[in-house]
Amino acid sequence: MAAPSGVASCEDFAEFQELLRVMRTIDDRIVHELNTTIPTASFVGKIDAGQTCKELYQSLMDAHTSRERIIKNCIAQTSSLVKTLREEREKAQDNVALLKQLRKEQTKV
């Protein structure tokens, strides 16, 4: 069960949350994954349990690494935008729309 490897869009927070939900599927179904990975007594000689467990572990680690990378990337992008908006806010303190956008982005972070 591979995680999506596409580039995450951080602009639409709902879309970002949905991407993370999809990427968590392997974690959410870990009991099922373990039950299908570890052979029953009748299949012990036909399946290499050690290898299948290593493959499951690698899938989990890949999924975690992908999620971590996407989350850190979005934090960096949004933090950069917050910094820019703060600088603009310093120049135009009367701009209410700018203040609202700044607060929205700060909430995302």
Protein backbone atom coordinates (compact mmCIF):
# COMPACT_ATOMS: atom_id res chain seq x y z
CA MET A 1 0.00 0.00 0.00
CA ALA A 2 2.00 2.94 -1.25
CA ALA A 3 1.54 6.53 -0.19
CA PRO A 4 0.76 9.16 -2.80
CA SER A 5 3.97 10.73 -3.97
CA GLY A 6 2.52 13.84 -5.58
CA VAL A 7 3.38 17.36 -4.53
CA ALA A 8 1.10 18.62 -1.79
CA SER A 9 -0.69 21.90 -2.15
CA CYS A 10 -0.56 23.86 1.08
CA GLU A 11 -2.86 26.64 -0.09
CA ASP A 12 -6.09 24.67 0.34
CA PHE A 13 -6.04 23.40 3.93
CA ALA A 14 -8.96 21.00 3.43
CA GLU A 15 -7.20 19.45 0.45
CA PHE A 16 -4.01 19.13 2.49
CA GLN A 17 -5.90 17.40 5.31
CA GLU A 18 -7.47 14.99 2.83
CA LEU A 19 -4.04 14.15 1.41
CA LEU A 20 -2.76 13.39 4.91
CA ARG A 21 -5.83 11.24 5.60
CA VAL A 22 -5.16 9.19 2.47
CA MET A 23 -1.48 8.88 3.38
CA ARG A 24 -2.43 7.55 6.84
CA THR A 25 -4.37 4.62 5.38
CA ILE A 26 -1.60 2.10 6.04
CA ASP A 27 -1.41 3.21 9.68
CA ASP A 28 -5.17 3.16 10.11
CA ARG A 29 -5.31 -0.39 8.75
CA ILE A 30 -2.28 -1.76 10.59
CA VAL A 31 -4.18 -4.65 12.18
CA HIS A 32 -5.41 -5.76 8.76
CA GLU A 33 -1.92 -5.35 7.31
CA LEU A 34 -0.40 -7.46 10.08
CA ASN A 35 -3.06 -10.14 9.71
CA THR A 36 -2.40 -10.41 5.97
CA THR A 37 1.39 -10.22 6.34
CA ILE A 38 1.98 -12.85 9.01
CA PRO A 39 1.15 -16.29 7.62
CA THR A 40 -1.24 -18.64 9.34
CA ALA A 41 -0.04 -22.10 10.40
CA SER A 42 -1.11 -23.62 7.08
CA PHE A 43 1.02 -21.13 5.07
CA VAL A 44 4.12 -20.98 7.28
CA GLY A 45 6.26 -23.00 4.87
CA LYS A 46 5.03 -21.17 1.76
CA ILE A 47 5.64 -17.56 2.82
CA ASP A 48 8.78 -15.98 4.23
CA ALA A 49 7.32 -14.16 7.24
CA GLY A 50 10.56 -12.31 7.92
CA GLN A 51 10.66 -10.87 4.42
CA THR A 52 7.00 -9.90 4.38
CA CYS A 53 7.40 -8.20 7.78
CA LYS A 54 10.43 -6.29 6.46
CA GLU A 55 8.38 -5.18 3.45
CA LEU A 56 5.53 -4.02 5.71
CA TYR A 57 8.00 -2.16 7.91
CA GLN A 58 9.54 -0.49 4.86
CA SER A 59 6.08 0.53 3.62
CA LEU A 60 5.33 2.08 7.01
CA MET A 61 8.65 3.94 7.09
CA ASP A 62 8.15 5.20 3.53
CA ALA A 63 4.66 6.44 4.39
CA HIS A 64 5.92 8.18 7.54
CA THR A 65 8.81 9.78 5.68
CA SER A 66 6.51 11.04 2.92
CA ARG A 67 4.06 12.52 5.41
CA GLU A 68 6.84 14.15 7.41
CA ARG A 69 8.35 15.69 4.26
CA ILE A 70 4.99 17.06 3.10
CA ILE A 71 4.12 18.45 6.54
CA LYS A 72 7.52 20.12 6.96
CA ASN A 73 7.33 21.53 3.44
CA CYS A 74 3.90 23.07 4.11
CA ILE A 75 5.06 24.48 7.43
CA ALA A 76 8.04 26.09 5.69
CA GLN A 77 5.89 27.49 2.86
CA THR A 78 3.25 28.87 5.20
CA SER A 79 5.82 30.28 7.62
CA SER A 80 7.49 32.09 4.74
CA LEU A 81 4.15 33.52 3.68
CA VAL A 82 3.44 34.63 7.27
CA LYS A 83 6.81 36.39 7.38
CA THR A 84 6.04 38.21 4.12
CA LEU A 85 2.56 39.18 5.32
CA ARG A 86 3.99 40.50 8.60
CA GLU A 87 6.42 42.68 6.67
CA GLU A 88 3.59 43.99 4.50
CA ARG A 89 1.47 44.54 7.61
CA GLU A 90 4.21 46.71 9.13
CA LYS A 91 4.04 48.95 6.07
CA ALA A 92 0.24 49.08 5.86
CA GLN A 93 -1.16 48.76 9.36
CA ASP A 94 -4.61 50.03 8.34
CA ASN A 95 -5.15 47.21 5.82
CA VAL A 96 -7.83 45.00 7.42
CA ALA A 97 -7.83 42.46 4.58
CA LEU A 98 -4.09 41.97 5.01
CA LEU A 99 -4.56 41.45 8.74
CA LYS A 100 -7.25 38.81 8.11
CA GLN A 101 -5.03 36.99 5.62
CA LEU A 102 -2.11 37.11 8.07
CA ARG A 103 -4.24 35.63 10.86
CA LYS A 104 -5.55 32.92 8.53
CA GLU A 105 -2.03 31.89 7.56
CA GLN A 106 -0.85 31.99 11.19
CA THR A 107 -3.68 29.64 12.10
CA LYS A 108 -2.57 27.21 9.39
CA VAL A 109 0.93 27.06 10.81
